[in-house]
């Protein structure tokens, strides 16, 4: 179903600059080095700046669901995920109604699953969708309880996942083959609140769905936080370990540097993928933009308190190199760059063999829900804050990156002029 035009999504080169200023930036001015070090493949960009990905997006949606008013089956609220099934149907996890809705390729609702509650197939707080079954999908509840469904919507089971210490996971990823990778809240989680800026650390483990640990990937940064006597929350510019599973590989990065580890499921390190050597310093402009965004979303009587809190708040030495990690159907890694609340999303693309491909920046008010082989599913909001899920076409064939064998002398890889990258497998769930 083709609907009226929405704001076009653009590819631009620069963070912190206007679309107009960056729209004409060159497609690529960097190269990637591939080398081998003690049996570990290292793929790294030699650039010190981001540049646009050689991909293009359709200017108008080819599919859309969401309305201002009318039939409640088409009113969306607190959308937390979307996924396209093999038959072209699209699932939308609508948190506001605790439902997973099935819409056919023309945008017509054909079924809904779930409701508010604590039992099997019910949700206290629907939080995410995941492609964690070969023959269907899962929907996660508040504490990462996993409701599993077949592709036709038949409910299968509800699984309660726990970290090795028996606590709720802080974050997790899973794949269609039954692998679950999870990270706890932190080894000091039970010791009570820590006041001020601090970090928490815990083990990243591969577990069975019954909770048995198969592989320990070691202690990792859980998150950098701001704590009070009443509790703590993630620092607005804090780093946290991000991870995903794909094709029997674990992809792990903390955002402390523009680097992702590629590990086998037994824990062995196979490769390091490194993006551009960008400046991650916390600047006065970053602090000022954070304050401006907080003030813009708060009533005037709260402004003095917000200003005082911002002046007193401790900041890390660096912003995260990325704050979210996904792997798409083609095996390409998508790393979401740090940005102040309300700023457009920018995603850096890393190919496991060819390295950094460039950046894709979404228009304002768009949020990525799923990256398919030839489409993106996005959540959009209009001036009235009406939520819509839209599908745009994605053309990856603007350029080709042909991987070459690693060389110990550090051979440079240059992107050829035409062609495409071909891989397969579906993306996996993650926070």
Protein backbone atom coordinates (compact mmCIF):
# COMPACT_ATOMS: atom_id res chain seq x y z
CA UNK A 1 0.00 0.00 0.00
CA UNK A 2 1.63 3.26 -1.12
CA UNK A 3 0.68 6.26 0.97
CA UNK A 4 1.36 9.98 0.83
CA UNK A 5 4.93 11.23 1.04
CA UNK A 6 6.71 11.54 4.35
CA UNK A 7 9.95 13.35 5.04
CA UNK A 8 12.67 11.83 2.86
CA UNK A 9 15.57 10.06 4.47
CA UNK A 10 18.96 11.35 3.43
CA UNK A 11 22.50 10.08 3.44
CA UNK A 12 24.94 12.70 4.68
CA UNK A 13 28.55 12.77 5.62
CA UNK A 14 28.91 14.77 8.80
CA UNK A 15 27.79 14.56 12.39
CA UNK A 16 26.71 17.82 13.92
CA UNK A 17 26.32 19.60 10.56
CA UNK A 18 23.27 20.46 8.51
CA UNK A 19 21.90 18.14 5.84
CA UNK A 20 22.50 20.83 3.25
CA UNK A 21 26.12 21.20 4.22
CA UNK A 22 26.81 17.47 4.05
CA UNK A 23 24.61 16.26 1.20
CA UNK A 24 27.27 16.81 -1.46
CA UNK A 25 30.13 15.22 0.42
CA UNK A 26 32.19 12.70 -1.55
CA UNK A 27 30.97 9.12 -1.34
CA UNK A 28 34.26 7.78 -0.02
CA UNK A 29 37.65 9.23 0.79
CA UNK A 30 38.95 6.47 3.04
CA UNK A 31 40.37 3.01 2.66
CA UNK A 32 40.48 -0.03 4.90
CA UNK A 33 43.49 -2.06 5.91
CA UNK A 34 43.23 -5.83 6.41
CA UNK A 35 46.04 -7.61 8.23
CA UNK A 36 46.64 -10.69 10.32
CA UNK A 37 48.10 -10.59 13.83
CA UNK A 38 48.74 -13.83 15.70
CA UNK A 39 45.88 -15.50 13.88
CA UNK A 40 43.44 -12.63 14.49
CA UNK A 41 42.13 -10.82 11.42
CA UNK A 42 42.19 -7.03 11.87
CA UNK A 43 40.09 -4.92 9.53
CA UNK A 44 40.51 -1.21 10.18
CA UNK A 45 39.70 2.08 8.54
CA UNK A 46 42.55 4.50 7.91
CA UNK A 47 40.19 7.47 7.94
CA UNK A 48 39.89 10.06 10.71
CA UNK A 49 36.43 11.15 9.54
CA UNK A 50 33.09 9.61 8.75
CA UNK A 51 31.77 9.56 5.17
CA UNK A 52 28.47 8.54 3.55
CA UNK A 53 27.67 4.91 2.89
CA UNK A 54 27.39 4.07 -0.84
CA UNK A 55 23.76 3.02 -0.40
CA UNK A 56 20.51 4.80 -1.25
CA UNK A 57 17.08 4.81 0.35
CA UNK A 58 13.73 5.34 -1.28
CA UNK A 59 12.34 8.83 -0.76
CA UNK A 60 8.80 7.67 0.01
CA UNK A 61 7.47 4.69 1.97
CA UNK A 62 6.28 1.63 0.07
CA UNK A 63 4.34 0.50 3.14
CA UNK A 64 2.98 2.38 6.14
CA UNK A 65 0.76 1.79 9.16
CA UNK A 66 -0.33 4.39 11.71
CA UNK A 67 -3.05 7.03 11.95
CA UNK A 68 -4.03 10.06 13.98
CA UNK A 69 -7.51 8.73 14.75
CA UNK A 70 -10.05 6.13 13.69
CA UNK A 71 -9.91 2.34 13.87
CA UNK A 72 -7.83 1.43 16.97
CA UNK A 73 -6.24 -1.45 15.05
CA UNK A 74 -4.28 1.19 13.11
CA UNK A 75 -3.46 3.54 15.99
CA UNK A 76 0.06 2.99 17.30
CA UNK A 77 1.55 3.92 20.67
CA UNK A 78 4.96 3.13 22.14
CA UNK A 79 6.12 0.98 19.23
CA UNK A 80 9.15 -1.01 20.43
CA UNK A 81 9.93 -3.19 17.41
CA UNK A 82 9.00 -4.34 13.93
CA UNK A 83 9.97 -7.33 11.82
CA UNK A 84 9.17 -8.46 8.28
CA UNK A 85 8.27 -12.14 7.94
CA UNK A 86 9.30 -14.19 4.87
CA UNK A 87 5.82 -13.85 3.32
CA UNK A 88 6.06 -10.04 3.39
CA UNK A 89 3.81 -9.57 6.42
CA UNK A 90 5.11 -7.12 9.00
CA UNK A 91 4.93 -7.53 12.77
CA UNK A 92 4.64 -4.44 14.94
CA UNK A 93 5.24 -4.65 18.69
CA UNK A 94 2.79 -2.04 19.99
CA UNK A 95 3.75 -1.50 23.61
CA UNK A 96 0.85 0.81 24.35
CA UNK A 97 -1.62 -2.07 23.96
CA UNK A 98 0.74 -4.95 24.89
CA UNK A 99 0.17 -6.49 21.46
CA UNK A 100 2.17 -7.92 18.60
CA UNK A 101 0.17 -7.08 15.49
CA UNK A 102 0.34 -8.82 12.11
CA UNK A 103 -0.19 -6.59 9.05
CA UNK A 104 -0.26 -8.04 5.54
CA UNK A 105 1.84 -6.61 2.66
CA UNK A 106 -0.96 -4.15 1.84
CA UNK A 107 -1.05 -2.80 5.42
CA UNK A 108 -4.24 -4.57 6.58
CA UNK A 109 -4.34 -5.98 10.12
CA UNK A 110 -4.83 -9.75 10.00
CA UNK A 111 -4.15 -10.77 13.62
CA UNK A 112 -3.00 -9.59 17.05
CA UNK A 113 -1.29 -11.51 19.83
CA UNK A 114 -0.81 -10.57 23.47
CA UNK A 115 -2.47 -8.44 26.10
CA UNK A 116 -1.61 -6.89 29.44
CA UNK A 117 -0.94 -9.44 32.16
CA UNK A 118 1.60 -11.75 33.79
CA UNK A 119 0.78 -15.08 32.17
CA UNK A 120 1.99 -16.90 29.04
CA UNK A 121 1.51 -14.72 25.97
CA UNK A 122 0.84 -11.66 28.17
CA UNK A 123 3.01 -8.62 28.90
CA UNK A 124 3.52 -6.42 31.92
CA UNK A 125 5.62 -4.14 29.69
CA UNK A 126 6.27 -5.24 26.11
CA UNK A 127 9.85 -4.16 25.40
CA UNK A 128 11.19 -5.72 22.16
CA UNK A 129 10.84 -8.17 19.27
CA UNK A 130 13.45 -10.72 18.36
CA UNK A 131 14.07 -13.20 15.53
CA UNK A 132 15.12 -15.88 18.00
CA UNK A 133 13.38 -18.86 16.41
CA UNK A 134 13.96 -20.53 13.06
CA UNK A 135 10.21 -20.90 12.54
CA UNK A 136 8.91 -17.69 14.10
CA UNK A 137 9.76 -14.87 16.48
CA UNK A 138 9.80 -13.89 20.15
CA UNK A 139 8.45 -10.89 22.06
CA UNK A 140 10.18 -9.82 25.28
CA UNK A 141 8.48 -8.67 28.46
CA UNK A 142 9.80 -6.22 31.06
CA UNK A 143 12.46 -8.47 32.61
CA UNK A 144 13.43 -10.17 29.32
CA UNK A 145 10.85 -12.95 29.74
CA UNK A 146 10.61 -14.44 26.26
CA UNK A 147 7.20 -15.20 24.71
CA UNK A 148 7.84 -17.43 21.67
CA UNK A 149 5.52 -17.69 18.66
CA UNK A 150 5.52 -19.55 15.37
CA UNK A 151 5.42 -17.45 12.20
CA UNK A 152 1.65 -17.93 11.96
CA UNK A 153 1.21 -16.42 15.42
CA UNK A 154 0.70 -19.65 17.35
CA UNK A 155 1.96 -19.21 20.91
CA UNK A 156 4.65 -21.75 21.85
CA UNK A 157 6.00 -21.01 25.32
CA UNK A 158 7.16 -18.39 27.78
CA UNK A 159 10.78 -18.65 28.97
CA UNK A 160 12.22 -16.77 31.94
CA UNK A 161 15.87 -15.94 31.27
CA UNK A 162 18.28 -15.26 34.14
CA UNK A 163 21.93 -14.30 34.51
CA UNK A 164 24.16 -16.90 36.22
CA UNK A 165 23.66 -15.25 39.64
CA UNK A 166 19.91 -15.70 39.21
CA UNK A 167 19.12 -12.04 38.53
CA UNK A 168 17.35 -10.46 35.59
CA UNK A 169 19.67 -9.75 32.63
CA UNK A 170 20.63 -6.16 31.92
CA UNK A 171 20.82 -6.88 28.19
CA UNK A 172 20.72 -9.91 25.92
CA UNK A 173 20.90 -11.12 22.33
CA UNK A 174 19.73 -14.38 20.81
CA UNK A 175 19.63 -16.15 17.46
CA UNK A 176 17.34 -18.61 15.63
CA UNK A 177 19.52 -21.55 16.70
CA UNK A 178 18.78 -21.31 20.41
CA UNK A 179 21.87 -19.37 21.47
CA UNK A 180 21.39 -16.67 24.10
CA UNK A 181 24.10 -14.14 25.02
CA UNK A 182 23.41 -12.11 28.15
CA UNK A 183 24.97 -9.60 30.49
CA UNK A 184 24.02 -9.07 34.14
CA UNK A 185 23.44 -5.76 35.91
CA UNK A 186 26.81 -5.74 37.63
CA UNK A 187 28.60 -7.65 40.33
CA UNK A 188 27.91 -4.87 42.85
CA UNK A 189 24.19 -4.73 42.01
CA UNK A 190 23.16 -6.25 45.33
CA UNK A 191 25.41 -3.98 47.42
CA UNK A 192 23.06 -1.00 47.19
CA UNK A 193 23.18 2.29 45.29
CA UNK A 194 26.48 4.00 44.45
CA UNK A 195 26.27 7.79 44.56
CA UNK A 196 27.80 9.79 41.71
CA UNK A 197 29.43 8.74 38.45
CA UNK A 198 30.49 5.10 38.38
CA UNK A 199 30.62 2.03 36.18
CA UNK A 200 29.23 -1.46 36.65
CA UNK A 201 30.83 -4.62 35.30
CA UNK A 202 29.66 -8.20 34.93
CA UNK A 203 30.26 -11.40 32.98
CA UNK A 204 29.05 -11.70 29.40
CA UNK A 205 27.97 -15.31 28.99
CA UNK A 206 26.48 -17.60 26.36
CA UNK A 207 23.77 -19.66 28.00
CA UNK A 208 21.23 -22.28 27.07
CA UNK A 209 17.59 -21.33 27.37
CA UNK A 210 17.59 -23.41 30.55
CA UNK A 211 20.24 -21.11 32.02
CA UNK A 212 23.36 -23.30 31.83
CA UNK A 213 26.54 -21.37 30.96
CA UNK A 214 28.16 -22.63 27.75
CA UNK A 215 30.83 -19.93 27.26
CA UNK A 216 32.13 -17.14 29.50
CA UNK A 217 33.31 -14.17 27.42
CA UNK A 218 34.81 -12.53 30.50
CA UNK A 219 33.97 -9.52 32.62
CA UNK A 220 32.72 -6.55 30.63
CA UNK A 221 31.60 -2.98 31.18
CA UNK A 222 27.84 -3.10 31.76
CA UNK A 223 27.26 0.66 31.78
CA UNK A 224 28.57 4.00 33.01
CA UNK A 225 26.01 5.46 35.40
CA UNK A 226 24.95 8.35 37.61
CA UNK A 227 23.81 7.24 41.04
CA UNK A 228 21.85 8.83 43.88
CA UNK A 229 20.75 7.50 47.26
CA UNK A 230 17.53 6.39 45.53
CA UNK A 231 19.14 4.41 42.72
CA UNK A 232 21.04 4.94 39.49
CA UNK A 233 20.55 5.29 35.76
CA UNK A 234 22.74 5.27 32.64
CA UNK A 235 24.76 8.45 32.18
CA UNK A 236 23.42 10.37 29.14
CA UNK A 237 26.88 10.12 27.58
CA UNK A 238 27.88 6.86 29.21
CA UNK A 239 29.35 3.84 27.52
CA UNK A 240 27.93 0.32 27.70
CA UNK A 241 28.81 -3.03 26.18
CA UNK A 242 26.78 -3.75 23.04
CA UNK A 243 26.59 -7.20 21.46
CA UNK A 244 24.78 -9.31 18.88
CA UNK A 245 24.77 -12.86 17.52
CA UNK A 246 24.85 -13.83 13.85
CA UNK A 247 25.93 -16.89 11.87
CA UNK A 248 27.53 -18.60 14.91
CA UNK A 249 29.54 -15.48 15.71
CA UNK A 250 29.36 -13.07 18.63
CA UNK A 251 29.97 -9.37 17.91
CA UNK A 252 30.97 -7.38 21.01
CA UNK A 253 31.97 -3.76 21.61
CA UNK A 254 31.86 -1.38 24.56
CA UNK A 255 31.89 1.93 22.70
CA UNK A 256 35.13 2.81 24.52
CA UNK A 257 36.68 2.81 21.05
CA UNK A 258 35.39 2.38 17.49
CA UNK A 259 36.08 -1.35 17.59
CA UNK A 260 34.04 -4.56 17.54
CA UNK A 261 35.34 -7.99 18.51
CA UNK A 262 34.28 -10.96 16.38
CA UNK A 263 34.36 -14.14 18.46
CA UNK A 264 33.44 -17.76 17.87
CA UNK A 265 30.81 -19.17 20.21
CA UNK A 266 33.55 -20.93 22.16
CA UNK A 267 34.94 -17.49 23.04
CA UNK A 268 37.99 -17.47 20.77
CA UNK A 269 38.81 -14.12 19.16
CA UNK A 270 38.61 -14.30 15.36
CA UNK A 271 38.75 -10.68 14.22
CA UNK A 272 38.74 -7.02 15.21
CA UNK A 273 36.70 -4.56 13.15
CA UNK A 274 37.73 -0.92 13.54
CA UNK A 275 36.03 2.17 12.22
CA UNK A 276 37.46 5.66 11.63
CA UNK A 277 39.74 7.15 14.29
CA UNK A 278 37.26 9.84 15.31
CA UNK A 279 37.55 12.32 18.17
CA UNK A 280 35.47 11.18 21.15
CA UNK A 281 36.24 14.07 23.51
CA UNK A 282 33.44 15.44 25.65
CA UNK A 283 33.28 19.07 24.55
CA UNK A 284 31.48 22.14 25.85
CA UNK A 285 29.18 21.99 22.82
CA UNK A 286 28.13 18.43 23.76
CA UNK A 287 27.31 19.54 27.30
CA UNK A 288 25.47 22.62 26.02
CA UNK A 289 23.38 20.61 23.56
CA UNK A 290 22.44 18.16 26.32
CA UNK A 291 21.27 21.07 28.48
CA UNK A 292 19.35 22.69 25.61
CA UNK A 293 17.48 19.47 24.89
CA UNK A 294 16.55 18.98 28.54
CA UNK A 295 15.32 22.56 28.85
CA UNK A 296 13.30 22.30 25.63
CA UNK A 297 11.34 19.31 26.96
CA UNK A 298 10.67 20.69 30.46
CA UNK A 299 8.31 23.38 31.81
CA UNK A 300 9.86 26.78 32.56
CA UNK A 301 9.52 26.35 36.33
CA UNK A 302 11.87 23.35 36.16
CA UNK A 303 14.61 25.18 34.28
CA UNK A 304 16.59 26.44 37.33
CA UNK A 305 16.75 22.92 38.78
CA UNK A 306 17.76 21.42 35.43
CA UNK A 307 20.51 24.02 34.99
CA UNK A 308 21.89 23.32 38.46
CA UNK A 309 21.81 19.55 37.90
CA UNK A 310 23.64 19.94 34.58
CA UNK A 311 26.33 22.11 36.17
CA UNK A 312 26.92 19.59 38.96
CA UNK A 313 26.78 16.44 36.83
CA UNK A 314 30.04 14.58 36.29
CA UNK A 315 30.86 13.56 32.72
CA UNK A 316 33.07 10.76 31.38
CA UNK A 317 36.26 11.74 29.60
CA UNK A 318 34.90 10.47 26.28
CA UNK A 319 31.54 9.96 24.61
CA UNK A 320 30.79 6.45 23.34
CA UNK A 321 32.04 5.54 19.88
CA UNK A 322 28.63 3.87 19.44
CA UNK A 323 25.59 3.19 21.64
CA UNK A 324 23.88 0.32 19.80
CA UNK A 325 25.05 -2.64 17.71
CA UNK A 326 23.01 -4.71 15.25
CA UNK A 327 23.76 -7.24 12.52
CA UNK A 328 21.52 -7.22 9.45
CA UNK A 329 20.43 -10.00 7.08
CA UNK A 330 23.55 -9.53 4.97
CA UNK A 331 25.92 -9.81 7.93
CA UNK A 332 26.75 -6.09 7.98
CA UNK A 333 27.14 -4.48 11.40
CA UNK A 334 25.14 -1.33 12.14
CA UNK A 335 26.60 0.86 14.92
CA UNK A 336 24.48 3.78 16.12
CA UNK A 337 26.57 6.84 16.92
CA UNK A 338 26.18 8.77 20.14
CA UNK A 339 23.89 11.79 19.79
CA UNK A 340 22.07 14.08 22.18
CA UNK A 341 18.37 13.31 22.72
CA UNK A 342 16.25 14.59 19.86
CA UNK A 343 19.10 14.46 17.34
CA UNK A 344 18.86 12.33 14.16
CA UNK A 345 20.16 8.78 14.30
CA UNK A 346 23.43 8.08 12.49
CA UNK A 347 24.47 4.48 11.80
CA UNK A 348 28.01 3.45 10.88
CA UNK A 349 28.22 0.33 8.70
CA UNK A 350 31.01 -2.22 9.16
CA UNK A 351 31.39 -5.17 6.81
CA UNK A 352 33.06 -8.15 8.56
CA UNK A 353 35.46 -8.67 5.65
CA UNK A 354 35.81 -5.26 4.00
CA UNK A 355 35.56 -2.98 7.02
CA UNK A 356 34.00 0.45 7.28
CA UNK A 357 31.53 1.19 4.48
CA UNK A 358 30.36 4.60 5.63
CA UNK A 359 27.53 6.21 7.56
CA UNK A 360 23.80 6.35 7.05
CA UNK A 361 22.02 9.20 8.78
CA UNK A 362 18.25 9.17 9.17
CA UNK A 363 16.07 12.23 8.94
CA UNK A 364 14.85 13.76 12.16
CA UNK A 365 11.99 11.93 13.91
CA UNK A 366 12.92 8.59 12.36
CA UNK A 367 14.17 5.61 14.36
CA UNK A 368 15.49 2.38 12.89
CA UNK A 369 13.48 -0.72 13.80
CA UNK A 370 14.88 -3.28 11.34
CA UNK A 371 17.40 -3.40 8.50
CA UNK A 372 16.55 -6.00 5.85
CA UNK A 373 18.44 -7.00 2.74
CA UNK A 374 16.58 -4.46 0.59
CA UNK A 375 14.49 -2.42 3.02
CA UNK A 376 14.43 -0.53 6.31
CA UNK A 377 11.55 -0.50 8.78
CA UNK A 378 11.41 2.83 10.59
CA UNK A 379 9.36 4.40 13.34
CA UNK A 380 8.33 7.96 12.48
CA UNK A 381 6.57 10.72 14.40
CA UNK A 382 4.85 13.73 12.85
CA UNK A 383 4.24 17.21 14.27
CA UNK A 384 1.31 15.85 16.29
CA UNK A 385 3.52 13.05 17.69
CA UNK A 386 1.53 10.42 15.79
CA UNK A 387 3.51 7.18 15.49
CA UNK A 388 3.79 5.35 12.17
CA UNK A 389 5.83 2.38 11.02
CA UNK A 390 7.06 2.77 7.45
CA UNK A 391 9.04 0.63 5.04
CA UNK A 392 11.56 2.19 2.67
CA UNK A 393 13.51 0.45 -0.06
CA UNK A 394 17.26 0.10 0.47
CA UNK A 395 19.65 -0.16 -2.48
CA UNK A 396 23.02 -1.56 -1.41
CA UNK A 397 24.49 -1.65 -4.91
CA UNK A 398 25.80 1.87 -5.20
CA UNK A 399 29.27 0.39 -4.78
CA UNK A 400 30.93 -2.93 -4.11
CA UNK A 401 33.44 -3.87 -1.46
CA UNK A 402 35.21 -7.06 -2.47
CA UNK A 403 37.15 -8.54 0.45
CA UNK A 404 40.65 -9.82 -0.15
CA UNK A 405 42.77 -12.26 1.82
CA UNK A 406 44.56 -10.74 4.82
CA UNK A 407 48.18 -9.75 4.27
CA UNK A 408 50.76 -9.46 7.00
CA UNK A 409 52.19 -6.40 5.26
CA UNK A 410 48.89 -4.51 5.65
CA UNK A 411 47.39 -4.42 2.17
CA UNK A 412 44.97 -1.55 1.49
CA UNK A 413 41.51 -2.42 0.19
CA UNK A 414 39.96 0.02 -2.26
CA UNK A 415 36.25 -0.17 -3.15
CA UNK A 416 35.72 -1.25 -6.78
CA UNK A 417 33.41 0.75 -9.00
CA UNK A 418 30.35 -1.50 -9.30
CA UNK A 419 28.66 -4.60 -8.00
CA UNK A 420 27.31 -5.65 -4.62
CA UNK A 421 28.01 -7.45 -1.37
CA UNK A 422 26.27 -10.78 -0.99
CA UNK A 423 25.67 -12.56 2.28
CA UNK A 424 22.66 -14.10 3.95
CA UNK A 425 21.20 -14.82 7.40
CA UNK A 426 18.68 -12.94 9.47
CA UNK A 427 19.43 -10.28 12.09
CA UNK A 428 19.23 -11.13 15.75
CA UNK A 429 17.60 -9.63 18.76
CA UNK A 430 19.39 -7.27 21.05
CA UNK A 431 18.58 -4.46 23.36
